[in-house]
Amino acid sequence: MKLERVTYPEYSCINFLLKHGWWVFGLIAFLPVIAAVLAVSKGISAWVLAIGVVCGAVAYLLLRAFLELIQVIADFILPR
């Protein structure tokens, strides 16, 4: 009787996010703040800066929750 070895697919995007997701998502969440600073420097109202900071904080929390969800999926569902 011959045993066959099962091969599982490689999830390269999930592996990348698990290794580098914290700083990648941190940079993505910082983009609204950078855009708000640029807008204020062009002469738009200072309220835009406050809105950009709030949007950046919300984006960071959502992306961090997404990354933790990916970690849970990788730990419990994906084969090792």
PDB file of N, CA and C in Angstrom:
ATOM      1  N   MET A   1       0.838  -1.171   0.000  1.00  0.00           N
ATOM      2  CA  MET A   1       0.000   0.000   0.000  1.00  0.00           C
ATOM      3  C   MET A   1       0.889   1.242   0.000  1.00  0.00           C
ATOM      4  N   LYS A   2       0.624   2.122  -0.925  1.00  0.00           N
ATOM      5  CA  LYS A   2       1.425   3.328  -1.069  1.00  0.00           C
ATOM      6  C   LYS A   2       0.669   4.521  -0.486  1.00  0.00           C
ATOM      7  N   LEU A   3       1.344   5.293   0.355  1.00  0.00           N
ATOM      8  CA  LEU A   3       0.749   6.480   0.945  1.00  0.00           C
ATOM      9  C   LEU A   3       1.084   7.698   0.105  1.00  0.00           C
ATOM     10  N   GLU A   4       0.102   8.522  -0.087  1.00  0.00           N
ATOM     11  CA  GLU A   4       0.317   9.755  -0.845  1.00  0.00           C
ATOM     12  C   GLU A   4       0.392  10.927   0.112  1.00  0.00           C
ATOM     13  N   ARG A   5       1.310  11.813  -0.172  1.00  0.00           N
ATOM     14  CA  ARG A   5       1.473  13.009   0.656  1.00  0.00           C
ATOM     15  C   ARG A   5       0.566  14.118   0.120  1.00  0.00           C
ATOM     16  N   VAL A   6      -0.173  14.737   1.022  1.00  0.00           N
ATOM     17  CA  VAL A   6      -1.087  15.807   0.643  1.00  0.00           C
ATOM     18  C   VAL A   6      -0.326  17.125   0.704  1.00  0.00           C
ATOM     19  N   THR A   7      -0.436  17.911  -0.345  1.00  0.00           N
ATOM     20  CA  THR A   7       0.187  19.230  -0.343  1.00  0.00           C
ATOM     21  C   THR A   7      -0.900  20.289  -0.231  1.00  0.00           C
ATOM     22  N   TYR A   8      -0.621  21.273   0.579  1.00  0.00           N
ATOM     23  CA  TYR A   8      -1.573  22.362   0.787  1.00  0.00           C
ATOM     24  C   TYR A   8      -1.125  23.583   0.002  1.00  0.00           C
ATOM     25  N   PRO A   9      -2.071  24.393  -0.435  1.00  0.00           N
ATOM     26  CA  PRO A   9      -1.690  25.586  -1.196  1.00  0.00           C
ATOM     27  C   PRO A   9      -0.945  26.588  -0.322  1.00  0.00           C
ATOM     28  N   GLU A  10      -0.115  27.359  -0.955  1.00  0.00           N
ATOM     29  CA  GLU A  10       0.647  28.412  -0.275  1.00  0.00           C
ATOM     30  C   GLU A  10      -0.180  29.694  -0.287  1.00  0.00           C
ATOM     31  N   TYR A  11      -0.392  30.263   0.877  1.00  0.00           N
ATOM     32  CA  TYR A  11      -1.147  31.504   1.001  1.00  0.00           C
ATOM     33  C   TYR A  11      -0.155  32.639   1.208  1.00  0.00           C
ATOM     34  N   SER A  12       0.408  33.118   0.115  1.00  0.00           N
ATOM     35  CA  SER A  12       1.494  34.090   0.211  1.00  0.00           C
ATOM     36  C   SER A  12       1.017  35.446   0.721  1.00  0.00           C
ATOM     37  N   CYS A  13      -0.173  35.859   0.360  1.00  0.00           N
ATOM     38  CA  CYS A  13      -0.680  37.153   0.824  1.00  0.00           C
ATOM     39  C   CYS A  13      -0.938  37.122   2.327  1.00  0.00           C
ATOM     40  N   ILE A  14      -1.518  36.051   2.810  1.00  0.00           N
ATOM     41  CA  ILE A  14      -1.762  35.922   4.252  1.00  0.00           C
ATOM     42  C   ILE A  14      -0.447  35.849   5.002  1.00  0.00           C
ATOM     43  N   ASN A  15       0.506  35.106   4.478  1.00  0.00           N
ATOM     44  CA  ASN A  15       1.815  35.031   5.133  1.00  0.00           C
ATOM     45  C   ASN A  15       2.510  36.389   5.166  1.00  0.00           C
ATOM     46  N   PHE A  16       2.394  37.148   4.081  1.00  0.00           N
ATOM     47  CA  PHE A  16       2.989  38.487   4.058  1.00  0.00           C
ATOM     48  C   PHE A  16       2.336  39.388   5.097  1.00  0.00           C
ATOM     49  N   LEU A  17       1.009  39.357   5.171  1.00  0.00           N
ATOM     50  CA  LEU A  17       0.313  40.199   6.136  1.00  0.00           C
ATOM     51  C   LEU A  17       0.624  39.791   7.575  1.00  0.00           C
ATOM     52  N   LEU A  18       0.806  38.520   7.822  1.00  0.00           N
ATOM     53  CA  LEU A  18       1.150  38.082   9.169  1.00  0.00           C
ATOM     54  C   LEU A  18       2.550  38.538   9.571  1.00  0.00           C
ATOM     55  N   LYS A  19       3.457  38.578   8.614  1.00  0.00           N
ATOM     56  CA  LYS A  19       4.830  38.993   8.923  1.00  0.00           C
ATOM     57  C   LYS A  19       4.984  40.506   8.959  1.00  0.00           C
ATOM     58  N   HIS A  20       4.350  41.222   8.019  1.00  0.00           N
ATOM     59  CA  HIS A  20       4.605  42.649   7.845  1.00  0.00           C
ATOM     60  C   HIS A  20       3.359  43.525   8.012  1.00  0.00           C
ATOM     61  N   GLY A  21       2.262  42.955   8.434  1.00  0.00           N
ATOM     62  CA  GLY A  21       1.000  43.680   8.467  1.00  0.00           C
ATOM     63  C   GLY A  21       0.971  44.863   9.406  1.00  0.00           C
ATOM     64  N   TRP A  22       1.672  44.777  10.538  1.00  0.00           N
ATOM     65  CA  TRP A  22       1.590  45.860  11.521  1.00  0.00           C
ATOM     66  C   TRP A  22       2.122  47.163  10.958  1.00  0.00           C
ATOM     67  N   TRP A  23       3.272  47.132  10.308  1.00  0.00           N
ATOM     68  CA  TRP A  23       3.809  48.390   9.787  1.00  0.00           C
ATOM     69  C   TRP A  23       3.129  48.794   8.488  1.00  0.00           C
ATOM     70  N   VAL A  24       2.697  47.829   7.669  1.00  0.00           N
ATOM     71  CA  VAL A  24       1.998  48.172   6.423  1.00  0.00           C
ATOM     72  C   VAL A  24       0.675  48.854   6.746  1.00  0.00           C
ATOM     73  N   PHE A  25      -0.078  48.291   7.678  1.00  0.00           N
ATOM     74  CA  PHE A  25      -1.359  48.888   8.041  1.00  0.00           C
ATOM     75  C   PHE A  25      -1.170  50.193   8.798  1.00  0.00           C
ATOM     76  N   GLY A  26      -0.080  50.315   9.523  1.00  0.00           N
ATOM     77  CA  GLY A  26       0.217  51.587  10.184  1.00  0.00           C
ATOM     78  C   GLY A  26       0.461  52.693   9.181  1.00  0.00           C
ATOM     79  N   LEU A  27       1.192  52.377   8.117  1.00  0.00           N
ATOM     80  CA  LEU A  27       1.424  53.369   7.063  1.00  0.00           C
ATOM     81  C   LEU A  27       0.140  53.716   6.317  1.00  0.00           C
ATOM     82  N   ILE A  28      -0.673  52.714   6.053  1.00  0.00           N
ATOM     83  CA  ILE A  28      -1.932  52.965   5.354  1.00  0.00           C
ATOM     84  C   ILE A  28      -2.840  53.853   6.205  1.00  0.00           C
ATOM     85  N   ALA A  29      -2.877  53.608   7.505  1.00  0.00           N
ATOM     86  CA  ALA A  29      -3.724  54.411   8.389  1.00  0.00           C
ATOM     87  C   ALA A  29      -3.190  55.828   8.552  1.00  0.00           C
ATOM     88  N   PHE A  30      -1.895  56.024   8.312  1.00  0.00           N
ATOM     89  CA  PHE A  30      -1.307  57.356   8.443  1.00  0.00           C
ATOM     90  C   PHE A  30      -1.544  58.223   7.206  1.00  0.00           C
ATOM     91  N   LEU A  31      -1.970  57.626   6.108  1.00  0.00           N
ATOM     92  CA  LEU A  31      -2.196  58.376   4.863  1.00  0.00           C
ATOM     93  C   LEU A  31      -3.258  59.474   4.987  1.00  0.00           C
ATOM     94  N   PRO A  32      -4.390  59.266   5.674  1.00  0.00           N
ATOM     95  CA  PRO A  32      -5.341  60.385   5.814  1.00  0.00           C
ATOM     96  C   PRO A  32      -4.755  61.570   6.576  1.00  0.00           C
ATOM     97  N   VAL A  33      -3.883  61.300   7.541  1.00  0.00           N
ATOM     98  CA  VAL A  33      -3.253  62.383   8.287  1.00  0.00           C
ATOM     99  C   VAL A  33      -2.319  63.171   7.379  1.00  0.00           C
ATOM    100  N   ILE A  34      -1.544  62.478   6.567  1.00  0.00           N
ATOM    101  CA  ILE A  34      -0.641  63.149   5.629  1.00  0.00           C
ATOM    102  C   ILE A  34      -1.441  63.982   4.626  1.00  0.00           C
ATOM    103  N   ALA A  35      -2.535  63.419   4.122  1.00  0.00           N
ATOM    104  CA  ALA A  35      -3.365  64.156   3.165  1.00  0.00           C
ATOM    105  C   ALA A  35      -3.975  65.392   3.822  1.00  0.00           C
ATOM    106  N   ALA A  36      -4.370  65.282   5.080  1.00  0.00           N
ATOM    107  CA  ALA A  36      -4.946  66.430   5.781  1.00  0.00           C
ATOM    108  C   ALA A  36      -3.902  67.514   6.005  1.00  0.00           C
ATOM    109  N   VAL A  37      -2.686  67.122   6.363  1.00  0.00           N
ATOM    110  CA  VAL A  37      -1.612  68.113   6.546  1.00  0.00           C
ATOM    111  C   VAL A  37      -1.320  68.827   5.237  1.00  0.00           C
ATOM    112  N   LEU A  38      -1.281  68.083   4.145  1.00  0.00           N
ATOM    113  CA  LEU A  38      -1.063  68.708   2.836  1.00  0.00           C
ATOM    114  C   LEU A  38      -2.206  69.639   2.464  1.00  0.00           C
ATOM    115  N   ALA A  39      -3.431  69.243   2.777  1.00  0.00           N
ATOM    116  CA  ALA A  39      -4.575  70.096   2.462  1.00  0.00           C
ATOM    117  C   ALA A  39      -4.545  71.383   3.270  1.00  0.00           C
ATOM    118  N   VAL A  40      -4.176  71.293   4.539  1.00  0.00           N
ATOM    119  CA  VAL A  40      -4.092  72.487   5.379  1.00  0.00           C
ATOM    120  C   VAL A  40      -2.961  73.392   4.902  1.00  0.00           C
ATOM    121  N   SER A  41      -1.875  72.800   4.455  1.00  0.00           N
ATOM    122  CA  SER A  41      -0.763  73.615   3.959  1.00  0.00           C
ATOM    123  C   SER A  41      -1.127  74.338   2.651  1.00  0.00           C
ATOM    124  N   LYS A  42      -2.122  73.827   1.925  1.00  0.00           N
ATOM    125  CA  LYS A  42      -2.579  74.477   0.693  1.00  0.00           C
ATOM    126  C   LYS A  42      -3.614  75.566   0.962  1.00  0.00           C
ATOM    127  N   GLY A  43      -4.029  75.708   2.226  1.00  0.00           N
ATOM    128  CA  GLY A  43      -4.945  76.786   2.547  1.00  0.00           C
ATOM    129  C   GLY A  43      -6.351  76.353   2.894  1.00  0.00           C
ATOM    130  N   ILE A  44      -6.602  75.065   2.966  1.00  0.00           N
ATOM    131  CA  ILE A  44      -7.936  74.592   3.337  1.00  0.00           C
ATOM    132  C   ILE A  44      -8.090  74.718   4.857  1.00  0.00           C
ATOM    133  N   SER A  45      -9.303  74.735   5.332  1.00  0.00           N
ATOM    134  CA  SER A  45      -9.624  74.952   6.745  1.00  0.00           C
ATOM    135  C   SER A  45      -8.887  73.968   7.662  1.00  0.00           C
ATOM    136  N   ALA A  46      -8.614  74.412   8.869  1.00  0.00           N
ATOM    137  CA  ALA A  46      -7.909  73.577   9.846  1.00  0.00           C
ATOM    138  C   ALA A  46      -8.769  72.417  10.338  1.00  0.00           C
ATOM    139  N   TRP A  47     -10.069  72.490  10.097  1.00  0.00           N
ATOM    140  CA  TRP A  47     -10.942  71.374  10.465  1.00  0.00           C
ATOM    141  C   TRP A  47     -10.574  70.107   9.698  1.00  0.00           C
ATOM    142  N   VAL A  48     -10.033  70.285   8.534  1.00  0.00           N
ATOM    143  CA  VAL A  48      -9.630  69.133   7.724  1.00  0.00           C
ATOM    144  C   VAL A  48      -8.552  68.321   8.444  1.00  0.00           C
ATOM    145  N   LEU A  49      -7.666  69.004   9.160  1.00  0.00           N
ATOM    146  CA  LEU A  49      -6.626  68.302   9.918  1.00  0.00           C
ATOM    147  C   LEU A  49      -7.245  67.444  11.014  1.00  0.00           C
ATOM    148  N   ALA A  50      -8.219  67.979  11.720  1.00  0.00           N
ATOM    149  CA  ALA A  50      -8.887  67.198  12.766  1.00  0.00           C
ATOM    150  C   ALA A  50      -9.620  66.000  12.171  1.00  0.00           C
ATOM    151  N   ILE A  51     -10.276  66.221  11.051  1.00  0.00           N
ATOM    152  CA  ILE A  51     -10.979  65.125  10.387  1.00  0.00           C
ATOM    153  C   ILE A  51      -9.989  64.062   9.902  1.00  0.00           C
ATOM    154  N   GLY A  52      -8.843  64.502   9.385  1.00  0.00           N
ATOM    155  CA  GLY A  52      -7.825  63.555   8.930  1.00  0.00           C
ATOM    156  C   GLY A  52      -7.258  62.716  10.062  1.00  0.00           C
ATOM    157  N   VAL A  53      -7.055  63.337  11.219  1.00  0.00           N
ATOM    158  CA  VAL A  53      -6.545  62.585  12.375  1.00  0.00           C
ATOM    159  C   VAL A  53      -7.574  61.563  12.839  1.00  0.00           C
ATOM    160  N   VAL A  54      -8.837  61.955  12.889  1.00  0.00           N
ATOM    161  CA  VAL A  54      -9.896  61.022  13.296  1.00  0.00           C
ATOM    162  C   VAL A  54     -10.016  59.880  12.288  1.00  0.00           C
ATOM    163  N   CYS A  55      -9.976  60.196  11.007  1.00  0.00           N
ATOM    164  CA  CYS A  55     -10.051  59.154   9.976  1.00  0.00           C
ATOM    165  C   CYS A  55      -8.857  58.202  10.053  1.00  0.00           C
ATOM    166  N   GLY A  56      -7.680  58.745  10.331  1.00  0.00           N
ATOM    167  CA  GLY A  56      -6.499  57.897  10.477  1.00  0.00           C
ATOM    168  C   GLY A  56      -6.617  56.962  11.672  1.00  0.00           C
ATOM    169  N   ALA A  57      -7.150  57.470  12.780  1.00  0.00           N
ATOM    170  CA  ALA A  57      -7.310  56.629  13.973  1.00  0.00           C
ATOM    171  C   ALA A  57      -8.342  55.526  13.735  1.00  0.00           C
ATOM    172  N   VAL A  58      -9.444  55.873  13.090  1.00  0.00           N
ATOM    173  CA  VAL A  58     -10.472  54.871  12.792  1.00  0.00           C
ATOM    174  C   VAL A  58      -9.933  53.828  11.812  1.00  0.00           C
ATOM    175  N   ALA A  59      -9.207  54.284  10.800  1.00  0.00           N
ATOM    176  CA  ALA A  59      -8.625  53.347   9.837  1.00  0.00           C
ATOM    177  C   ALA A  59      -7.638  52.406  10.522  1.00  0.00           C
ATOM    178  N   TYR A  60      -6.835  52.935  11.448  1.00  0.00           N
ATOM    179  CA  TYR A  60      -5.879  52.081  12.152  1.00  0.00           C
ATOM    180  C   TYR A  60      -6.595  51.022  12.986  1.00  0.00           C
ATOM    181  N   LEU A  61      -7.656  51.408  13.689  1.00  0.00           N
ATOM    182  CA  LEU A  61      -8.391  50.438  14.493  1.00  0.00           C
ATOM    183  C   LEU A  61      -9.047  49.367  13.628  1.00  0.00           C
ATOM    184  N   LEU A  62      -9.616  49.771  12.500  1.00  0.00           N
ATOM    185  CA  LEU A  62     -10.242  48.789  11.609  1.00  0.00           C
ATOM    186  C   LEU A  62      -9.213  47.849  10.986  1.00  0.00           C
ATOM    187  N   LEU A  63      -8.087  48.396  10.558  1.00  0.00           N
ATOM    188  CA  LEU A  63      -7.056  47.558   9.952  1.00  0.00           C
ATOM    189  C   LEU A  63      -6.406  46.642  10.980  1.00  0.00           C
ATOM    190  N   ARG A  64      -6.260  47.122  12.206  1.00  0.00           N
ATOM    191  CA  ARG A  64      -5.702  46.261  13.260  1.00  0.00           C
ATOM    192  C   ARG A  64      -6.655  45.107  13.573  1.00  0.00           C
ATOM    193  N   ALA A  65      -7.968  45.387  13.609  1.00  0.00           N
ATOM    194  CA  ALA A  65      -8.951  44.327  13.824  1.00  0.00           C
ATOM    195  C   ALA A  65      -8.917  43.325  12.677  1.00  0.00           C
ATOM    196  N   PHE A  66      -8.752  43.829  11.452  1.00  0.00           N
ATOM    197  CA  PHE A  66      -8.649  42.942  10.289  1.00  0.00           C
ATOM    198  C   PHE A  66      -7.424  42.040  10.398  1.00  0.00           C
ATOM    199  N   LEU A  67      -6.305  42.603  10.833  1.00  0.00           N
ATOM    200  CA  LEU A  67      -5.094  41.802  10.970  1.00  0.00           C
ATOM    201  C   LEU A  67      -5.248  40.750  12.064  1.00  0.00           C
ATOM    202  N   GLU A  68      -5.894  41.086  13.162  1.00  0.00           N
ATOM    203  CA  GLU A  68      -6.117  40.102  14.210  1.00  0.00           C
ATOM    204  C   GLU A  68      -7.053  38.995  13.731  1.00  0.00           C
ATOM    205  N   LEU A  69      -8.024  39.348  12.897  1.00  0.00           N
ATOM    206  CA  LEU A  69      -8.899  38.336  12.314  1.00  0.00           C
ATOM    207  C   LEU A  69      -8.115  37.402  11.398  1.00  0.00           C
ATOM    208  N   ILE A  70      -7.199  37.950  10.636  1.00  0.00           N
ATOM    209  CA  ILE A  70      -6.344  37.116   9.784  1.00  0.00           C
ATOM    210  C   ILE A  70      -5.491  36.185  10.638  1.00  0.00           C
ATOM    211  N   GLN A  71      -4.989  36.663  11.758  1.00  0.00           N
ATOM    212  CA  GLN A  71      -4.200  35.817  12.649  1.00  0.00           C
ATOM    213  C   GLN A  71      -5.030  34.677  13.212  1.00  0.00           C
ATOM    214  N   VAL A  72      -6.265  34.944  13.588  1.00  0.00           N
ATOM    215  CA  VAL A  72      -7.143  33.894  14.111  1.00  0.00           C
ATOM    216  C   VAL A  72      -7.419  32.863  13.032  1.00  0.00           C
ATOM    217  N   ILE A  73      -7.699  33.317  11.831  1.00  0.00           N
ATOM    218  CA  ILE A  73      -7.949  32.389  10.726  1.00  0.00           C
ATOM    219  C   ILE A  73      -6.714  31.539  10.453  1.00  0.00           C
ATOM    220  N   ALA A  74      -5.555  32.163  10.443  1.00  0.00           N
ATOM    221  CA  ALA A  74      -4.322  31.425  10.161  1.00  0.00           C
ATOM    222  C   ALA A  74      -4.020  30.416  11.263  1.00  0.00           C
ATOM    223  N   ASP A  75      -4.312  30.758  12.501  1.00  0.00           N
ATOM    224  CA  ASP A  75      -4.006  29.852  13.607  1.00  0.00           C
ATOM    225  C   ASP A  75      -4.956  28.658  13.668  1.00  0.00           C
ATOM    226  N   PHE A  76      -6.217  28.874  13.388  1.00  0.00           N
ATOM    227  CA  PHE A  76      -7.192  27.824  13.628  1.00  0.00           C
ATOM    228  C   PHE A  76      -7.700  27.110  12.381  1.00  0.00           C
ATOM    229  N   ILE A  77      -7.642  27.755  11.241  1.00  0.00           N
ATOM    230  CA  ILE A  77      -8.272  27.156  10.069  1.00  0.00           C
ATOM    231  C   ILE A  77      -7.240  26.664   9.044  1.00  0.00           C
ATOM    232  N   LEU A  78      -6.214  27.459   8.785  1.00  0.00           N
ATOM    233  CA  LEU A  78      -5.254  27.085   7.761  1.00  0.00           C
ATOM    234  C   LEU A  78      -4.353  25.949   8.232  1.00  0.00           C
ATOM    235  N   PRO A  79      -4.043  25.019   7.372  1.00  0.00           N
ATOM    236  CA  PRO A  79      -3.162  23.912   7.757  1.00  0.00           C
ATOM    237  C   PRO A  79      -1.726  24.384   7.926  1.00  0.00           C
ATOM    238  N   ARG A  80      -1.011  23.681   8.756  1.00  0.00           N
ATOM    239  CA  ARG A  80       0.415  23.993   8.990  1.00  0.00           C
ATOM    240  C   ARG A  80       1.285  23.059   8.196  1.00  0.00           C
TER     241      ARG A  80
END
